[in-house]
Amino acid sequence: MAQLPQRALGKSGINVSALGLGCMGLSGVYGEVDDNASIALIHAALDSGVTMLDSSDLYGNGHNEQLIGKALAGSRRNGVIVATKFGNLGGKGGKFADGRPEFVVSSCEASLKRLGMDVIDLYYQHRIDPNVPIEDTIGAMVKLKEQGKIRALALCEASPETIRRAHKVHPIAAVQNEYSLMYRQEGEETMKTTRPLGIAFVPYSPLGRGMMSGHIADPATLADSDSRKRHPRYAKDNLEHNRSLAQKVDAIAKRKGCTPAQLALAWVLAQGDDVIPIPGTKRKDRLAENLGALNVKLSAAEVAEISSAVPPGAAKGTRYPEGQMASLYI
């Protein structure tokens, strides 16, 4: 197994590869998938030195956790940090989040069963429930840790105030937010809170859901099950504008001698040693390309140039469809 640079999950005592693997796309979110190919991709990631796999009970309604369980059966589990999440209802019944203590417990038990594991390494509250005090939710997670069912606590799409309140109850190891060159305003605000507290920042969609990859999909060619069809950033007028931003990154990447995806990921990595991006892919060649970003070294001047090429707020289209925006950054 290859050895990649390591970064710490806050003060949890857990170290992971500087790039993790986001596994959401292996459960049909971006079109059709094949489980055997997905397992082979996970194995290729592990063989390349990736040590953190990111999942959720939401992805494929539990399919993603079952898939990871199959991929890590036997000795493959050794040395792998499994991150999963609970509490994102996806708008079911008009509700986006559930942070009730009893729901935390039942969700953890169900995830452990699907994963076929005794312990979850990093357990996230996937969406913050505005109707349940964060102290109550974290309290339930602390009990799970005391029982040996989880090793470290984490939050996803939490506001700075929520993070501070949660951290007072128990140290939070990581906070996950969407963060890329295209969508970074909330992430930058979040890091102003996580960094002084010694909490790792885990960017999901660090390539802007493909926008920064140099492989921008035409929405007309996407399968109906591909969620990008419904993302505002891919709407026709927004897409043209966002393509023009991506082209600026492409031009810098050509000068740097790397791909646009590698440059965009290198920029995210350069934001600090406490930043651990989790790009996702269904393809081995893209996996290898993404890992190549670890070899792209950027000077402070280059980081500044890339930042100014796609300034904060430059992208058109909200991060999620309008109905989901109210469930973010709570």
C-alpha atoms as a PDB file:
ATOM      1  CA  MET A   1       0.000   0.000   0.000  1.00  0.00           C
ATOM      2  CA  ALA A   2       1.282   3.470  -0.912  1.00  0.00           C
ATOM      3  CA  GLN A   3       1.812   6.128   1.751  1.00  0.00           C
ATOM      4  CA  LEU A   4       0.206   9.526   1.223  1.00  0.00           C
ATOM      5  CA  PRO A   5       0.785  12.691   3.275  1.00  0.00           C
ATOM      6  CA  GLN A   6      -1.207  12.587   6.510  1.00  0.00           C
ATOM      7  CA  ARG A   7      -3.388  15.169   8.235  1.00  0.00           C
ATOM      8  CA  ALA A   8      -4.993  15.119  11.678  1.00  0.00           C
ATOM      9  CA  LEU A   9      -8.720  14.852  12.380  1.00  0.00           C
ATOM     10  CA  GLY A  10      -8.673  17.659  14.894  1.00  0.00           C
ATOM     11  CA  LYS A  11      -7.483  16.598  18.337  1.00  0.00           C
ATOM     12  CA  SER A  12      -9.039  13.113  18.098  1.00  0.00           C
ATOM     13  CA  GLY A  13      -5.661  11.418  17.752  1.00  0.00           C
ATOM     14  CA  ILE A  14      -6.759  10.037  14.372  1.00  0.00           C
ATOM     15  CA  ASN A  15      -4.650  10.773  11.291  1.00  0.00           C
ATOM     16  CA  VAL A  16      -5.864  10.262   7.722  1.00  0.00           C
ATOM     17  CA  SER A  17      -4.541  10.681   4.193  1.00  0.00           C
ATOM     18  CA  ALA A  18      -4.553  14.325   3.085  1.00  0.00           C
ATOM     19  CA  LEU A  19      -7.165  13.390   0.463  1.00  0.00           C
ATOM     20  CA  GLY A  20     -10.044  11.127   1.387  1.00  0.00           C
ATOM     21  CA  LEU A  21     -12.596   9.496  -0.909  1.00  0.00           C
ATOM     22  CA  GLY A  22     -16.160  10.771  -1.004  1.00  0.00           C
ATOM     23  CA  CYS A  23     -18.312   7.717  -1.728  1.00  0.00           C
ATOM     24  CA  MET A  24     -21.718   9.318  -2.352  1.00  0.00           C
ATOM     25  CA  GLY A  25     -21.437   8.964  -6.134  1.00  0.00           C
ATOM     26  CA  LEU A  26     -21.141   5.195  -5.795  1.00  0.00           C
ATOM     27  CA  SER A  27     -24.819   4.991  -4.865  1.00  0.00           C
ATOM     28  CA  GLY A  28     -26.538   6.433  -7.925  1.00  0.00           C
ATOM     29  CA  VAL A  29     -26.471  10.133  -7.105  1.00  0.00           C
ATOM     30  CA  TYR A  30     -24.667  10.857 -10.381  1.00  0.00           C
ATOM     31  CA  GLY A  31     -26.280   8.235 -12.597  1.00  0.00           C
ATOM     32  CA  GLU A  32     -25.989   4.473 -12.836  1.00  0.00           C
ATOM     33  CA  VAL A  33     -23.393   2.540 -10.868  1.00  0.00           C
ATOM     34  CA  ASP A  34     -22.050  -0.984 -10.705  1.00  0.00           C
ATOM     35  CA  ASP A  35     -21.262  -2.367  -7.252  1.00  0.00           C
ATOM     36  CA  ASN A  36     -18.379  -4.553  -8.423  1.00  0.00           C
ATOM     37  CA  ALA A  37     -16.772  -1.582 -10.170  1.00  0.00           C
ATOM     38  CA  SER A  38     -17.375   0.573  -7.101  1.00  0.00           C
ATOM     39  CA  ILE A  39     -15.708  -1.964  -4.809  1.00  0.00           C
ATOM     40  CA  ALA A  40     -12.766  -2.155  -7.213  1.00  0.00           C
ATOM     41  CA  LEU A  41     -12.530   1.651  -7.097  1.00  0.00           C
ATOM     42  CA  ILE A  42     -12.485   1.651  -3.289  1.00  0.00           C
ATOM     43  CA  HIS A  43      -9.766  -1.014  -3.304  1.00  0.00           C
ATOM     44  CA  ALA A  44      -7.748   1.053  -5.803  1.00  0.00           C
ATOM     45  CA  ALA A  45      -8.069   4.073  -3.511  1.00  0.00           C
ATOM     46  CA  LEU A  46      -6.880   2.086  -0.497  1.00  0.00           C
ATOM     47  CA  ASP A  47      -3.986   0.607  -2.484  1.00  0.00           C
ATOM     48  CA  SER A  48      -3.018   4.164  -3.491  1.00  0.00           C
ATOM     49  CA  GLY A  49      -2.803   5.223   0.155  1.00  0.00           C
ATOM     50  CA  VAL A  50      -6.241   6.753   0.745  1.00  0.00           C
ATOM     51  CA  THR A  51      -7.243   5.966   4.331  1.00  0.00           C
ATOM     52  CA  MET A  52     -10.561   7.812   4.804  1.00  0.00           C
ATOM     53  CA  LEU A  53     -13.840   6.781   3.182  1.00  0.00           C
ATOM     54  CA  ASP A  54     -16.779   9.157   3.557  1.00  0.00           C
ATOM     55  CA  SER A  55     -20.356   7.883   3.534  1.00  0.00           C
ATOM     56  CA  SER A  56     -23.826   8.577   4.969  1.00  0.00           C
ATOM     57  CA  ASP A  57     -26.939   6.599   5.760  1.00  0.00           C
ATOM     58  CA  LEU A  58     -28.701   8.909   3.282  1.00  0.00           C
ATOM     59  CA  TYR A  59     -26.671   7.825   0.243  1.00  0.00           C
ATOM     60  CA  GLY A  60     -28.727   5.257  -1.618  1.00  0.00           C
ATOM     61  CA  ASN A  61     -30.889   4.843   1.512  1.00  0.00           C
ATOM     62  CA  GLY A  62     -28.176   2.802   3.193  1.00  0.00           C
ATOM     63  CA  HIS A  63     -26.741   1.225   0.042  1.00  0.00           C
ATOM     64  CA  ASN A  64     -23.521   3.218   0.357  1.00  0.00           C
ATOM     65  CA  GLU A  65     -22.772   1.907   3.815  1.00  0.00           C
ATOM     66  CA  GLN A  66     -23.506  -1.662   2.726  1.00  0.00           C
ATOM     67  CA  LEU A  67     -21.150  -1.179  -0.239  1.00  0.00           C
ATOM     68  CA  ILE A  68     -18.348   0.075   1.997  1.00  0.00           C
ATOM     69  CA  GLY A  69     -18.951  -2.842   4.335  1.00  0.00           C
ATOM     70  CA  LYS A  70     -18.481  -5.275   1.458  1.00  0.00           C
ATOM     71  CA  ALA A  71     -15.382  -3.456   0.209  1.00  0.00           C
ATOM     72  CA  LEU A  72     -13.770  -3.550   3.653  1.00  0.00           C
ATOM     73  CA  ALA A  73     -14.661  -7.118   4.539  1.00  0.00           C
ATOM     74  CA  GLY A  74     -11.831  -9.014   6.206  1.00  0.00           C
ATOM     75  CA  SER A  75      -8.385  -7.469   6.514  1.00  0.00           C
ATOM     76  CA  ARG A  76      -9.281  -4.507   4.249  1.00  0.00           C
ATOM     77  CA  ARG A  77     -10.798  -2.773   7.291  1.00  0.00           C
ATOM     78  CA  ASN A  78      -7.390  -2.436   8.953  1.00  0.00           C
ATOM     79  CA  GLY A  79      -6.077   1.120   8.931  1.00  0.00           C
ATOM     80  CA  VAL A  80      -9.138   2.579   7.188  1.00  0.00           C
ATOM     81  CA  ILE A  81     -11.015   5.466   8.795  1.00  0.00           C
ATOM     82  CA  VAL A  82     -14.707   5.059   8.050  1.00  0.00           C
ATOM     83  CA  ALA A  83     -16.768   8.234   8.260  1.00  0.00           C
ATOM     84  CA  THR A  84     -20.541   8.145   8.018  1.00  0.00           C
ATOM     85  CA  LYS A  85     -23.435  10.421   8.922  1.00  0.00           C
ATOM     86  CA  PHE A  86     -26.940  10.496  10.350  1.00  0.00           C
ATOM     87  CA  GLY A  87     -29.845  12.894  10.562  1.00  0.00           C
ATOM     88  CA  ASN A  88     -30.305  14.038   6.953  1.00  0.00           C
ATOM     89  CA  LEU A  89     -33.889  13.223   6.001  1.00  0.00           C
ATOM     90  CA  GLY A  90     -33.583  14.832   2.575  1.00  0.00           C
ATOM     91  CA  GLY A  91     -36.904  16.650   2.871  1.00  0.00           C
ATOM     92  CA  LYS A  92     -38.915  13.504   3.554  1.00  0.00           C
ATOM     93  CA  GLY A  93     -42.309  14.552   4.887  1.00  0.00           C
ATOM     94  CA  GLY A  94     -41.194  18.152   4.630  1.00  0.00           C
ATOM     95  CA  LYS A  95     -38.448  17.583   7.204  1.00  0.00           C
ATOM     96  CA  PHE A  96     -34.733  17.852   6.467  1.00  0.00           C
ATOM     97  CA  ALA A  97     -33.088  16.915   9.758  1.00  0.00           C
ATOM     98  CA  ASP A  98     -33.581  14.846  12.892  1.00  0.00           C
ATOM     99  CA  GLY A  99     -31.276  15.400  15.836  1.00  0.00           C
ATOM    100  CA  ARG A 100     -33.333  13.768  18.590  1.00  0.00           C
ATOM    101  CA  PRO A 101     -31.142  11.701  20.940  1.00  0.00           C
ATOM    102  CA  GLU A 102     -33.168   8.533  20.374  1.00  0.00           C
ATOM    103  CA  PHE A 103     -32.830   8.992  16.618  1.00  0.00           C
ATOM    104  CA  VAL A 104     -29.055   9.380  16.964  1.00  0.00           C
ATOM    105  CA  VAL A 105     -28.864   6.030  18.766  1.00  0.00           C
ATOM    106  CA  SER A 106     -31.110   4.123  16.360  1.00  0.00           C
ATOM    107  CA  SER A 107     -29.314   5.609  13.350  1.00  0.00           C
ATOM    108  CA  CYS A 108     -25.922   4.539  14.679  1.00  0.00           C
ATOM    109  CA  GLU A 109     -27.112   0.989  15.334  1.00  0.00           C
ATOM    110  CA  ALA A 110     -28.530   0.769  11.804  1.00  0.00           C
ATOM    111  CA  SER A 111     -25.322   2.122  10.239  1.00  0.00           C
ATOM    112  CA  LEU A 112     -23.142  -0.308  12.181  1.00  0.00           C
ATOM    113  CA  LYS A 113     -25.317  -3.175  10.985  1.00  0.00           C
ATOM    114  CA  ARG A 114     -25.155  -2.091   7.339  1.00  0.00           C
ATOM    115  CA  LEU A 115     -21.391  -1.549   7.548  1.00  0.00           C
ATOM    116  CA  GLY A 116     -20.900  -4.878   9.327  1.00  0.00           C
ATOM    117  CA  MET A 117     -18.624  -3.157  11.829  1.00  0.00           C
ATOM    118  CA  ASP A 118     -18.359  -2.726  15.589  1.00  0.00           C
ATOM    119  CA  VAL A 119     -17.280   0.915  15.498  1.00  0.00           C
ATOM    120  CA  ILE A 120     -17.608   3.991  13.292  1.00  0.00           C
ATOM    121  CA  ASP A 121     -14.395   6.026  13.276  1.00  0.00           C
ATOM    122  CA  LEU A 122     -15.880   9.449  12.506  1.00  0.00           C
ATOM    123  CA  TYR A 123     -19.603  10.044  13.044  1.00  0.00           C
ATOM    124  CA  TYR A 124     -21.215  13.177  11.612  1.00  0.00           C
ATOM    125  CA  GLN A 125     -24.508  14.873  12.267  1.00  0.00           C
ATOM    126  CA  HIS A 126     -25.296  15.290   8.562  1.00  0.00           C
ATOM    127  CA  ARG A 127     -27.807  18.140   8.898  1.00  0.00           C
ATOM    128  CA  ILE A 128     -28.460  20.240  11.968  1.00  0.00           C
ATOM    129  CA  ASP A 129     -31.967  19.968  13.413  1.00  0.00           C
ATOM    130  CA  PRO A 130     -33.123  23.502  14.335  1.00  0.00           C
ATOM    131  CA  ASN A 131     -35.793  22.028  16.605  1.00  0.00           C
ATOM    132  CA  VAL A 132     -33.390  20.074  18.841  1.00  0.00           C
ATOM    133  CA  PRO A 133     -30.699  21.825  20.903  1.00  0.00           C
ATOM    134  CA  ILE A 134     -27.296  20.850  19.530  1.00  0.00           C
ATOM    135  CA  GLU A 135     -26.254  20.067  23.110  1.00  0.00           C
ATOM    136  CA  ASP A 136     -28.838  17.260  23.251  1.00  0.00           C
ATOM    137  CA  THR A 137     -27.714  15.730  19.959  1.00  0.00           C
ATOM    138  CA  ILE A 138     -24.041  15.891  20.904  1.00  0.00           C
ATOM    139  CA  GLY A 139     -24.868  14.420  24.304  1.00  0.00           C
ATOM    140  CA  ALA A 140     -26.303  11.344  22.602  1.00  0.00           C
ATOM    141  CA  MET A 141     -23.204  11.075  20.399  1.00  0.00           C
ATOM    142  CA  VAL A 142     -20.976  11.271  23.478  1.00  0.00           C
ATOM    143  CA  LYS A 143     -22.813   8.288  24.977  1.00  0.00           C
ATOM    144  CA  LEU A 144     -22.195   6.329  21.775  1.00  0.00           C
ATOM    145  CA  LYS A 145     -18.501   7.149  22.081  1.00  0.00           C
ATOM    146  CA  GLU A 146     -18.464   6.035  25.714  1.00  0.00           C
ATOM    147  CA  GLN A 147     -20.028   2.740  24.584  1.00  0.00           C
ATOM    148  CA  GLY A 148     -17.245   2.281  22.014  1.00  0.00           C
ATOM    149  CA  LYS A 149     -19.585   2.550  19.018  1.00  0.00           C
ATOM    150  CA  ILE A 150     -17.965   5.675  17.581  1.00  0.00           C
ATOM    151  CA  ARG A 151     -14.446   7.081  17.953  1.00  0.00           C
ATOM    152  CA  ALA A 152     -14.827  10.767  17.072  1.00  0.00           C
ATOM    153  CA  LEU A 153     -17.640  13.306  16.657  1.00  0.00           C
ATOM    154  CA  ALA A 154     -18.202  15.561  13.653  1.00  0.00           C
ATOM    155  CA  LEU A 155     -20.698  17.991  12.153  1.00  0.00           C
ATOM    156  CA  CYS A 156     -21.770  18.741   8.583  1.00  0.00           C
ATOM    157  CA  GLU A 157     -23.160  22.054   7.300  1.00  0.00           C
ATOM    158  CA  ALA A 158     -23.111  23.579  10.788  1.00  0.00           C
ATOM    159  CA  SER A 159     -22.877  27.313  11.380  1.00  0.00           C
ATOM    160  CA  PRO A 160     -20.041  28.772  13.460  1.00  0.00           C
ATOM    161  CA  GLU A 161     -22.337  29.313  16.455  1.00  0.00           C
ATOM    162  CA  THR A 162     -23.538  25.700  16.341  1.00  0.00           C
ATOM    163  CA  ILE A 163     -19.940  24.479  16.127  1.00  0.00           C
ATOM    164  CA  ARG A 164     -18.913  26.508  19.165  1.00  0.00           C
ATOM    165  CA  ARG A 165     -21.873  25.246  21.216  1.00  0.00           C
ATOM    166  CA  ALA A 166     -21.236  21.620  20.199  1.00  0.00           C
ATOM    167  CA  HIS A 167     -17.518  21.860  20.952  1.00  0.00           C
ATOM    168  CA  LYS A 168     -18.280  22.990  24.525  1.00  0.00           C
ATOM    169  CA  VAL A 169     -20.124  19.710  25.133  1.00  0.00           C
ATOM    170  CA  HIS A 170     -17.417  17.490  23.604  1.00  0.00           C
ATOM    171  CA  PRO A 171     -14.433  18.150  21.314  1.00  0.00           C
ATOM    172  CA  ILE A 172     -15.506  18.044  17.677  1.00  0.00           C
ATOM    173  CA  ALA A 173     -12.939  16.344  15.435  1.00  0.00           C
ATOM    174  CA  ALA A 174     -14.114  17.635  12.050  1.00  0.00           C
ATOM    175  CA  VAL A 175     -16.630  19.879  10.344  1.00  0.00           C
ATOM    176  CA  GLN A 176     -17.675  19.187   6.777  1.00  0.00           C
ATOM    177  CA  ASN A 177     -18.965  21.825   4.378  1.00  0.00           C
ATOM    178  CA  GLU A 178     -19.155  22.223   0.648  1.00  0.00           C
ATOM    179  CA  TYR A 179     -15.991  24.107  -0.250  1.00  0.00           C
ATOM    180  CA  SER A 180     -14.291  24.726  -3.562  1.00  0.00           C
ATOM    181  CA  LEU A 181     -12.981  27.594  -5.625  1.00  0.00           C
ATOM    182  CA  MET A 182     -16.553  28.172  -6.802  1.00  0.00           C
ATOM    183  CA  TYR A 183     -18.398  27.915  -3.491  1.00  0.00           C
ATOM    184  CA  ARG A 184     -16.345  28.941  -0.503  1.00  0.00           C
ATOM    185  CA  GLN A 185     -17.839  31.875   1.387  1.00  0.00           C
ATOM    186  CA  GLU A 186     -19.474  29.785   4.120  1.00  0.00           C
ATOM    187  CA  GLY A 187     -16.480  27.457   4.277  1.00  0.00           C
ATOM    188  CA  GLU A 188     -14.112  30.368   4.835  1.00  0.00           C
ATOM    189  CA  GLU A 189     -16.312  31.648   7.657  1.00  0.00           C
ATOM    190  CA  THR A 190     -16.418  28.144   9.127  1.00  0.00           C
ATOM    191  CA  MET A 191     -12.626  27.847   9.145  1.00  0.00           C
ATOM    192  CA  LYS A 192     -12.389  31.042  11.182  1.00  0.00           C
ATOM    193  CA  THR A 193     -14.151  29.050  13.903  1.00  0.00           C
ATOM    194  CA  THR A 194     -12.743  25.552  13.427  1.00  0.00           C
ATOM    195  CA  ARG A 195      -9.091  26.542  13.163  1.00  0.00           C
ATOM    196  CA  PRO A 196      -8.737  28.240  16.571  1.00  0.00           C
ATOM    197  CA  LEU A 197     -10.599  25.325  18.174  1.00  0.00           C
ATOM    198  CA  GLY A 198      -8.294  22.727  16.601  1.00  0.00           C
ATOM    199  CA  ILE A 199     -11.069  21.167  14.482  1.00  0.00           C
ATOM    200  CA  ALA A 200     -10.300  19.715  11.046  1.00  0.00           C
ATOM    201  CA  PHE A 201     -12.173  21.139   8.056  1.00  0.00           C
ATOM    202  CA  VAL A 202     -13.373  18.561   5.508  1.00  0.00           C
ATOM    203  CA  PRO A 203     -14.440  20.057   2.162  1.00  0.00           C
ATOM    204  CA  TYR A 204     -16.963  18.023   0.190  1.00  0.00           C
ATOM    205  CA  SER A 205     -17.490  18.700  -3.525  1.00  0.00           C
ATOM    206  CA  PRO A 206     -14.011  20.322  -3.658  1.00  0.00           C
ATOM    207  CA  LEU A 207     -14.284  20.370  -7.461  1.00  0.00           C
ATOM    208  CA  GLY A 208     -17.629  22.162  -7.381  1.00  0.00           C
ATOM    209  CA  ARG A 209     -19.536  19.017  -8.430  1.00  0.00           C
ATOM    210  CA  GLY A 210     -17.310  18.708 -11.466  1.00  0.00           C
ATOM    211  CA  MET A 211     -17.269  22.376 -12.435  1.00  0.00           C
ATOM    212  CA  MET A 212     -13.552  22.765 -11.669  1.00  0.00           C
ATOM    213  CA  SER A 213     -12.506  19.423 -13.127  1.00  0.00           C
ATOM    214  CA  GLY A 214     -12.144  20.359 -16.768  1.00  0.00           C
ATOM    215  CA  HIS A 215     -14.748  17.669 -17.518  1.00  0.00           C
ATOM    216  CA  ILE A 216     -17.903  19.776 -17.238  1.00  0.00           C
ATOM    217  CA  ALA A 217     -20.903  17.693 -18.206  1.00  0.00           C
ATOM    218  CA  ASP A 218     -23.627  18.878 -20.567  1.00  0.00           C
ATOM    219  CA  PRO A 219     -26.816  18.562 -18.483  1.00  0.00           C
ATOM    220  CA  ALA A 220     -28.669  17.298 -21.562  1.00  0.00           C
ATOM    221  CA  THR A 221     -26.426  14.217 -21.626  1.00  0.00           C
ATOM    222  CA  LEU A 222     -26.882  13.338 -17.952  1.00  0.00           C
ATOM    223  CA  ALA A 223     -29.067  10.488 -16.772  1.00  0.00           C
ATOM    224  CA  ASP A 224     -32.352  11.467 -15.114  1.00  0.00           C
ATOM    225  CA  SER A 225     -30.994  10.053 -11.862  1.00  0.00           C
ATOM    226  CA  ASP A 226     -27.978  12.404 -11.985  1.00  0.00           C
ATOM    227  CA  SER A 227     -28.596  15.068  -9.346  1.00  0.00           C
ATOM    228  CA  ARG A 228     -26.590  17.653 -11.292  1.00  0.00           C
ATOM    229  CA  LYS A 229     -29.578  18.032 -13.609  1.00  0.00           C
ATOM    230  CA  ARG A 230     -31.334  19.764 -10.730  1.00  0.00           C
ATOM    231  CA  HIS A 231     -28.404  21.811  -9.478  1.00  0.00           C
ATOM    232  CA  PRO A 232     -28.720  25.544 -10.208  1.00  0.00           C
ATOM    233  CA  ARG A 233     -25.034  25.777 -11.107  1.00  0.00           C
ATOM    234  CA  TYR A 234     -25.793  23.571 -14.140  1.00  0.00           C
ATOM    235  CA  ALA A 235     -28.840  25.582 -15.268  1.00  0.00           C
ATOM    236  CA  LYS A 236     -28.279  26.958 -18.766  1.00  0.00           C
ATOM    237  CA  ASP A 237     -27.509  30.628 -18.063  1.00  0.00           C
ATOM    238  CA  ASN A 238     -25.534  29.803 -14.928  1.00  0.00           C
ATOM    239  CA  LEU A 239     -23.600  27.061 -16.699  1.00  0.00           C
ATOM    240  CA  GLU A 240     -22.204  29.381 -19.349  1.00  0.00           C
ATOM    241  CA  HIS A 241     -20.985  31.815 -16.713  1.00  0.00           C
ATOM    242  CA  ASN A 242     -19.509  29.055 -14.552  1.00  0.00           C
ATOM    243  CA  ARG A 243     -17.755  27.517 -17.568  1.00  0.00           C
ATOM    244  CA  SER A 244     -15.990  30.842 -18.077  1.00  0.00           C
ATOM    245  CA  LEU A 245     -14.683  30.688 -14.504  1.00  0.00           C
ATOM    246  CA  ALA A 246     -13.467  27.136 -15.022  1.00  0.00           C
ATOM    247  CA  GLN A 247     -11.640  28.217 -18.178  1.00  0.00           C
ATOM    248  CA  LYS A 248      -9.574  30.666 -16.111  1.00  0.00           C
ATOM    249  CA  VAL A 249      -8.468  27.789 -13.896  1.00  0.00           C
ATOM    250  CA  ASP A 250      -7.752  25.681 -16.962  1.00  0.00           C
ATOM    251  CA  ALA A 251      -5.427  28.360 -18.331  1.00  0.00           C
ATOM    252  CA  ILE A 252      -3.436  28.502 -15.074  1.00  0.00           C
ATOM    253  CA  ALA A 253      -3.287  24.693 -14.939  1.00  0.00           C
ATOM    254  CA  LYS A 254      -1.791  24.566 -18.434  1.00  0.00           C
ATOM    255  CA  ARG A 255       0.980  26.916 -17.329  1.00  0.00           C
ATOM    256  CA  LYS A 256       1.524  24.841 -14.207  1.00  0.00           C
ATOM    257  CA  GLY A 257       1.696  21.579 -16.160  1.00  0.00           C
ATOM    258  CA  CYS A 258      -1.192  19.864 -14.387  1.00  0.00           C
ATOM    259  CA  THR A 259      -4.880  19.249 -14.988  1.00  0.00           C
ATOM    260  CA  PRO A 260      -7.568  21.747 -13.884  1.00  0.00           C
ATOM    261  CA  ALA A 261      -8.826  19.231 -11.302  1.00  0.00           C
ATOM    262  CA  GLN A 262      -5.344  18.871  -9.836  1.00  0.00           C
ATOM    263  CA  LEU A 263      -4.885  22.634  -9.661  1.00  0.00           C
ATOM    264  CA  ALA A 264      -8.281  23.146  -8.010  1.00  0.00           C
ATOM    265  CA  LEU A 265      -7.601  20.406  -5.452  1.00  0.00           C
ATOM    266  CA  ALA A 266      -4.069  21.689  -4.815  1.00  0.00           C
ATOM    267  CA  TRP A 267      -5.591  25.101  -4.101  1.00  0.00           C
ATOM    268  CA  VAL A 268      -7.978  23.574  -1.548  1.00  0.00           C
ATOM    269  CA  LEU A 269      -5.126  21.604   0.061  1.00  0.00           C
ATOM    270  CA  ALA A 270      -3.060  24.791   0.251  1.00  0.00           C
ATOM    271  CA  GLN A 271      -5.642  26.455   2.499  1.00  0.00           C
ATOM    272  CA  GLY A 272      -4.064  24.748   5.504  1.00  0.00           C
ATOM    273  CA  ASP A 273      -2.834  21.477   6.973  1.00  0.00           C
ATOM    274  CA  ASP A 274      -6.154  21.169   8.814  1.00  0.00           C
ATOM    275  CA  VAL A 275      -8.036  20.898   5.490  1.00  0.00           C
ATOM    276  CA  ILE A 276      -8.862  17.362   4.274  1.00  0.00           C
ATOM    277  CA  PRO A 277     -10.795  17.329   0.971  1.00  0.00           C
ATOM    278  CA  ILE A 278     -12.891  14.294   0.002  1.00  0.00           C
ATOM    279  CA  PRO A 279     -13.318  14.378  -3.801  1.00  0.00           C
ATOM    280  CA  GLY A 280     -15.555  11.651  -5.160  1.00  0.00           C
ATOM    281  CA  THR A 281     -15.442   9.737  -8.431  1.00  0.00           C
ATOM    282  CA  LYS A 282     -16.647   6.514 -10.020  1.00  0.00           C
ATOM    283  CA  ARG A 283     -13.573   6.115 -12.220  1.00  0.00           C
ATOM    284  CA  LYS A 284     -10.090   4.850 -11.460  1.00  0.00           C
ATOM    285  CA  ASP A 285      -8.451   7.259 -13.901  1.00  0.00           C
ATOM    286  CA  ARG A 286     -10.090  10.233 -12.170  1.00  0.00           C
ATOM    287  CA  LEU A 287      -9.058   8.812  -8.800  1.00  0.00           C
ATOM    288  CA  ALA A 288      -5.434   8.731  -9.948  1.00  0.00           C
ATOM    289  CA  GLU A 289      -5.778  12.236 -11.385  1.00  0.00           C
ATOM    290  CA  ASN A 290      -7.176  13.584  -8.115  1.00  0.00           C
ATOM    291  CA  LEU A 291      -4.402  11.993  -6.062  1.00  0.00           C
ATOM    292  CA  GLY A 292      -1.906  13.636  -8.391  1.00  0.00           C
ATOM    293  CA  ALA A 293      -2.942  16.948  -6.845  1.00  0.00           C
ATOM    294  CA  LEU A 294      -0.828  16.025  -3.828  1.00  0.00           C
ATOM    295  CA  ASN A 295       2.245  16.475  -6.043  1.00  0.00           C
ATOM    296  CA  VAL A 296       1.241  19.959  -7.210  1.00  0.00           C
ATOM    297  CA  LYS A 297       3.005  22.531  -5.034  1.00  0.00           C
ATOM    298  CA  LEU A 298       1.685  26.078  -5.109  1.00  0.00           C
ATOM    299  CA  SER A 299       3.541  29.194  -4.023  1.00  0.00           C
ATOM    300  CA  ALA A 300       1.708  31.875  -2.056  1.00  0.00           C
ATOM    301  CA  ALA A 301       1.618  33.978  -5.222  1.00  0.00           C
ATOM    302  CA  GLU A 302       0.063  31.131  -7.199  1.00  0.00           C
ATOM    303  CA  VAL A 303      -2.564  30.534  -4.513  1.00  0.00           C
ATOM    304  CA  ALA A 304      -3.425  34.237  -4.644  1.00  0.00           C
ATOM    305  CA  GLU A 305      -3.623  34.201  -8.447  1.00  0.00           C
ATOM    306  CA  ILE A 306      -5.982  31.215  -8.438  1.00  0.00           C
ATOM    307  CA  SER A 307      -8.099  32.803  -5.705  1.00  0.00           C
ATOM    308  CA  SER A 308      -8.479  36.008  -7.676  1.00  0.00           C
ATOM    309  CA  ALA A 309      -9.310  34.119 -10.898  1.00  0.00           C
ATOM    310  CA  VAL A 310     -12.446  32.794  -9.195  1.00  0.00           C
ATOM    311  CA  PRO A 311     -13.197  35.237  -6.382  1.00  0.00           C
ATOM    312  CA  PRO A 312     -15.663  34.407  -3.598  1.00  0.00           C
ATOM    313  CA  GLY A 313     -19.239  34.729  -4.803  1.00  0.00           C
ATOM    314  CA  ALA A 314     -18.279  34.645  -8.482  1.00  0.00           C
ATOM    315  CA  ALA A 315     -20.234  31.477  -9.285  1.00  0.00           C
ATOM    316  CA  LYS A 316     -23.835  31.683 -10.433  1.00  0.00           C
ATOM    317  CA  GLY A 317     -26.487  29.421  -8.951  1.00  0.00           C
ATOM    318  CA  THR A 318     -27.068  28.455  -5.335  1.00  0.00           C
ATOM    319  CA  ARG A 319     -25.254  25.468  -3.852  1.00  0.00           C
ATOM    320  CA  TYR A 320     -28.404  23.332  -3.835  1.00  0.00           C
ATOM    321  CA  PRO A 321     -31.892  23.621  -5.326  1.00  0.00           C
ATOM    322  CA  GLU A 322     -33.876  26.333  -3.574  1.00  0.00           C
ATOM    323  CA  GLY A 323     -35.936  23.959  -1.433  1.00  0.00           C
ATOM    324  CA  GLN A 324     -32.817  22.535   0.210  1.00  0.00           C
ATOM    325  CA  MET A 325     -31.023  25.788   0.952  1.00  0.00           C
ATOM    326  CA  ALA A 326     -32.844  26.324   4.243  1.00  0.00           C
ATOM    327  CA  SER A 327     -31.362  23.087   5.615  1.00  0.00           C
ATOM    328  CA  LEU A 328     -27.756  24.248   5.227  1.00  0.00           C
ATOM    329  CA  TYR A 329     -25.364  26.088   7.522  1.00  0.00           C
ATOM    330  CA  ILE A 330     -27.582  25.975  10.616  1.00  0.00           C
END
